Structure formats: structure tokens, C-alpha cells
């Protein structure tokens, strides 16, 4: 591509990127940081199946809010409206990260291995959203990297598919072992929730 060619970027995308960059930075720092467990009511969790099921339900609700915010963003051109959508997106992501911190700080009695597996499910949603936000920022700052085959138009894919199937499979495998070795502890109910498959390919 000729370096003298000026690539037109719509103003609304520049505004989105201006909010997306700092938002991605804040969420990334929280994602990779360590929680302050003094902020949470840290306690030993005896009903681990119920705890995990509750966390998965919270993730389902927050992931739906994330998807709704991103869908609204695609049709938003007003600066104020874009800021409001980004605020909603940050709120939903923060709720997921609150749950992540709560799991990290909890003491899962007899199910310690489940904590990191559950965290991996929760964090996957956040990581996928960060990828989309970073793509948006990169496309505005370096549009030449996103030119289509003709070299005339910027080709930008901001599609987000919430797919945590690999992480859920690992958690499911662990829960199946618990069901076999500790029948009667409620793991069957968690496995039934897995069967709903809500985490697969949510756009």
C-alpha cells in the first residue's frame, strides 16, 4: 500500500477506540492482578457443588450483559451513547472479575482443585472481550494492517463468540470424578447444569 494514501476511519470508531484502550488496560490489570481477600467475606465453602453452580449462573448473567453491550456498540455513533455502552460493558466485566476474586479467595472444602478450573471458565469470557477491544484499538491506530485484498477498504472483524467449551470440559471431567468417588455430595446436579450447554458459541 502506498504510504501517501490516507485511510479514512469513521469518527465513531475513533471514539470507540478512545474508550476501548483505557478500558482494556483497566480490565487487563485487574485480570492479571491478585485479589485483596480482605474485601471479601472469606469463608470455608462446604457446599461446593452449590457454590460452583451459583458462580456459573452469575457468569451466565454477566456474559449476557457483555453480549448485549457489544451488540449495542455496533449500532452506536453518538459520543455520549458510546461512553454509556462502554460503561455498561465495564460494569459487566467487573462483575465477572468480582466473581473470579471471590472464587480465588474462597476455601473450597474437599474440592480445592475446582477453584482454578472454575476461574479458567470465568476468565475466558474476559480474555475474549479484551481481544475484541484490542482489535478495535489496533484497527484505528494501524488501519493499514487491516486492509482487505483490494487494498482499498479496512476489513475489521469485531465478532465475539463466547465459547468456553474447553474450560468447561476440564471442569466437567473433574466433577465426573467427584461424582464417581463421592456419590451423594451433589455433584450430579452440577453435571446436569453442564448439560444445558449455554456456554457454547454465544454470539
Protein backbone atom coordinates (compact mmCIF):
# COMPACT_ATOMS: atom_id res chain seq x y z
CA UNK A 1 0.00 0.00 0.00
CA UNK A 2 1.22 3.50 -0.84
CA UNK A 3 2.36 5.28 2.34
CA UNK A 4 0.89 8.53 0.99
CA UNK A 5 -2.63 7.10 0.86
CA UNK A 6 -4.80 8.42 3.67
CA UNK A 7 -7.09 5.81 5.20
CA UNK A 8 -10.45 7.14 6.31
CA UNK A 9 -11.61 5.98 9.75
CA UNK A 10 -15.16 6.92 10.76
CA UNK A 11 -15.26 9.24 13.76
CA UNK A 12 -17.42 6.85 15.78
CA UNK A 13 -14.73 4.17 15.52
CA UNK A 14 -12.12 6.63 16.72
CA UNK A 15 -14.36 7.43 19.69
CA UNK A 16 -14.89 3.73 20.42
CA UNK A 17 -11.15 3.12 20.33
CA UNK A 18 -10.52 6.09 22.62
CA UNK A 19 -12.70 4.43 25.26
CA UNK A 20 -11.72 0.85 24.44
CA UNK A 21 -8.00 1.35 25.02
CA UNK A 22 -8.18 2.58 28.63
CA UNK A 23 -11.00 0.12 29.38
CA UNK A 24 -8.90 -2.79 28.14
CA UNK A 25 -5.99 -1.57 30.27
CA UNK A 26 -8.08 -1.41 33.44
CA UNK A 27 -9.66 -4.82 32.88
CA UNK A 28 -6.34 -6.43 31.95
CA UNK A 29 -4.64 -5.13 35.09
CA UNK A 30 -7.46 -6.50 37.21
CA UNK A 31 -7.45 -9.80 35.34
CA UNK A 32 -3.75 -10.37 35.98
CA UNK A 33 -3.70 -8.89 39.48
CA UNK A 34 -4.12 -10.54 42.85
CA UNK A 35 -7.35 -10.01 44.77
CA UNK A 36 -7.47 -8.34 48.14
CA UNK A 37 -9.25 -11.08 50.04
CA UNK A 38 -9.91 -8.72 52.94
CA UNK A 39 -12.60 -7.16 50.73
CA UNK A 40 -14.49 -10.46 50.62
CA UNK A 41 -16.24 -12.49 53.25
CA UNK A 42 -13.70 -15.29 53.02
CA UNK A 43 -15.04 -18.48 54.46
CA UNK A 44 -14.79 -22.21 54.05
CA UNK A 45 -17.30 -23.43 51.47
CA UNK A 46 -18.79 -26.76 52.46
CA UNK A 47 -21.46 -26.90 49.73
CA UNK A 48 -19.03 -26.81 46.83
CA UNK A 49 -21.49 -28.04 44.16
CA UNK A 50 -23.91 -25.28 45.15
CA UNK A 51 -21.13 -22.69 45.17
CA UNK A 52 -19.92 -23.68 41.69
CA UNK A 53 -23.46 -23.77 40.32
CA UNK A 54 -24.11 -20.28 41.70
CA UNK A 55 -20.94 -18.92 40.17
CA UNK A 56 -21.79 -20.40 36.78
CA UNK A 57 -25.23 -18.81 36.94
CA UNK A 58 -23.68 -15.43 37.76
CA UNK A 59 -21.32 -15.87 34.82
CA UNK A 60 -24.25 -16.67 32.55
CA UNK A 61 -26.00 -13.45 33.55
CA UNK A 62 -22.89 -11.27 33.24
CA UNK A 63 -21.92 -12.82 29.89
CA UNK A 64 -25.39 -11.95 28.57
CA UNK A 65 -24.86 -8.35 29.68
CA UNK A 66 -21.48 -8.31 27.94
CA UNK A 67 -23.02 -9.57 24.70
CA UNK A 68 -25.86 -7.04 24.92
CA UNK A 69 -23.41 -4.14 25.40
CA UNK A 70 -21.25 -5.20 22.46
CA UNK A 71 -24.31 -5.61 20.25
CA UNK A 72 -25.44 -2.08 21.13
CA UNK A 73 -21.97 -0.73 20.45
CA UNK A 74 -22.11 -1.90 16.84
CA UNK A 75 -25.04 0.41 16.09
CA UNK A 76 -23.92 3.41 18.14
CA UNK A 77 -22.48 6.58 16.59
CA UNK A 78 -23.13 9.25 19.23
CA UNK A 79 -20.20 10.02 21.56
CA UNK A 80 -22.32 10.06 24.71
CA UNK A 81 -24.07 6.82 23.74
CA UNK A 82 -20.73 5.14 23.06
CA UNK A 83 -19.47 6.17 26.50
CA UNK A 84 -22.62 4.78 28.13
CA UNK A 85 -22.23 1.46 26.33
CA UNK A 86 -18.58 1.24 27.37
CA UNK A 87 -19.63 1.94 30.97
CA UNK A 88 -22.15 -0.92 30.78
CA UNK A 89 -19.50 -3.21 29.30
CA UNK A 90 -17.02 -2.36 32.05
CA UNK A 91 -19.68 -2.96 34.69
CA UNK A 92 -20.47 -6.43 33.31
CA UNK A 93 -16.78 -7.36 33.04
CA UNK A 94 -16.17 -6.09 36.57
CA UNK A 95 -18.95 -8.31 37.85
CA UNK A 96 -17.23 -11.32 36.29
CA UNK A 97 -13.91 -10.29 37.83
CA UNK A 98 -15.61 -9.83 41.22
CA UNK A 99 -16.73 -13.45 40.95
CA UNK A 100 -13.22 -14.51 39.92
CA UNK A 101 -11.77 -12.85 43.02
CA UNK A 102 -14.42 -14.43 45.21
CA UNK A 103 -13.52 -17.88 43.91
CA UNK A 104 -9.81 -17.22 44.37
CA UNK A 105 -10.39 -16.15 47.96
CA UNK A 106 -12.77 -18.97 48.87
CA UNK A 107 -11.67 -22.12 50.65
CA UNK A 108 -13.41 -24.97 48.84
CA UNK A 109 -13.53 -27.73 51.41
CA UNK A 110 -12.57 -31.03 49.79
CA UNK A 111 -12.73 -29.50 46.30
CA UNK A 112 -9.63 -27.34 46.13
CA UNK A 113 -8.86 -28.42 42.55
CA UNK A 114 -12.17 -26.97 41.36
CA UNK A 115 -11.16 -23.37 42.12
CA UNK A 116 -8.61 -22.88 39.32
CA UNK A 117 -10.83 -24.79 36.89
CA UNK A 118 -13.79 -22.52 37.64
CA UNK A 119 -11.61 -19.40 37.42
CA UNK A 120 -10.42 -20.51 33.97
CA UNK A 121 -14.05 -20.62 32.76
CA UNK A 122 -14.77 -17.16 34.12
CA UNK A 123 -11.58 -15.59 32.83
CA UNK A 124 -12.03 -16.99 29.32
CA UNK A 125 -15.00 -14.69 28.75
CA UNK A 126 -12.99 -11.67 29.88
CA UNK A 127 -9.99 -12.60 27.73
CA UNK A 128 -12.17 -12.93 24.62
CA UNK A 129 -13.68 -9.49 25.19
CA UNK A 130 -10.22 -7.99 25.70
CA UNK A 131 -9.18 -9.47 22.34
CA UNK A 132 -12.08 -7.68 20.63
CA UNK A 133 -11.31 -4.37 22.34
CA UNK A 134 -7.64 -4.60 21.39
CA UNK A 135 -8.55 -5.39 17.79
CA UNK A 136 -10.68 -2.24 17.68
CA UNK A 137 -7.83 -0.11 19.05
CA UNK A 138 -5.29 -1.65 16.66
CA UNK A 139 -7.55 -1.13 13.65
CA UNK A 140 -7.91 2.59 14.40
CA UNK A 141 -4.24 3.14 15.22
CA UNK A 142 -2.85 0.91 12.45
CA UNK A 143 -5.55 0.59 9.77
CA UNK A 144 -3.01 -0.48 7.16
CA UNK A 145 -2.78 -3.84 8.93
CA UNK A 146 -6.47 -4.46 8.35
CA UNK A 147 -6.76 -3.67 4.65
CA UNK A 148 -8.68 -6.16 2.53
CA UNK A 149 -7.27 -7.90 -0.55
CA UNK A 150 -8.11 -4.95 -2.79
CA UNK A 151 -6.10 -2.59 -0.59
CA UNK A 152 -8.96 -0.11 -0.65
CA UNK A 153 -11.09 -0.92 2.39
CA UNK A 154 -10.39 -1.67 6.03
CA UNK A 155 -11.65 -5.13 6.93
CA UNK A 156 -12.46 -5.27 10.64
CA UNK A 157 -13.93 -8.31 12.38
CA UNK A 158 -15.25 -7.46 15.84
CA UNK A 159 -17.29 -10.65 16.10
CA UNK A 160 -17.26 -12.17 19.57
CA UNK A 161 -18.14 -15.80 20.15
CA UNK A 162 -18.38 -16.69 23.82
CA UNK A 163 -17.08 -20.25 23.72
CA UNK A 164 -15.68 -21.66 26.95
CA UNK A 165 -16.24 -25.28 25.96
CA UNK A 166 -12.61 -26.32 26.54
CA UNK A 167 -12.55 -24.81 30.03
CA UNK A 168 -15.96 -26.25 30.88
CA UNK A 169 -14.86 -29.68 29.64
CA UNK A 170 -11.97 -29.65 32.12
CA UNK A 171 -14.31 -28.69 34.96
CA UNK A 172 -16.83 -31.32 33.86
CA UNK A 173 -14.16 -34.05 33.80
CA UNK A 174 -13.18 -33.13 37.34
CA UNK A 175 -16.82 -33.11 38.52
CA UNK A 176 -17.40 -36.52 36.96
CA UNK A 177 -14.56 -37.93 39.02
CA UNK A 178 -16.09 -36.42 42.14
CA UNK A 179 -19.45 -37.97 41.31
CA UNK A 180 -17.81 -41.39 40.99
CA UNK A 181 -15.68 -41.17 44.13
CA UNK A 182 -18.04 -39.12 46.31
CA UNK A 183 -21.63 -40.04 45.33
CA UNK A 184 -24.31 -38.25 47.27
CA UNK A 185 -22.40 -34.98 47.60
CA UNK A 186 -24.49 -33.17 44.97
CA UNK A 187 -22.12 -33.29 42.01
CA UNK A 188 -24.81 -34.81 39.82
CA UNK A 189 -26.73 -31.54 39.92
CA UNK A 190 -23.69 -29.63 38.70
CA UNK A 191 -23.24 -32.11 35.87
CA UNK A 192 -26.88 -31.62 34.89
CA UNK A 193 -26.23 -27.89 34.61
CA UNK A 194 -23.30 -28.61 32.29
CA UNK A 195 -25.70 -30.47 30.04
CA UNK A 196 -27.51 -27.24 29.19
CA UNK A 197 -24.57 -26.22 27.01
CA UNK A 198 -25.29 -22.50 27.40
CA UNK A 199 -21.60 -21.64 27.10
CA UNK A 200 -21.21 -22.90 23.55
CA UNK A 201 -20.96 -20.34 20.78
CA UNK A 202 -22.83 -17.47 22.37
CA UNK A 203 -22.53 -14.50 19.99
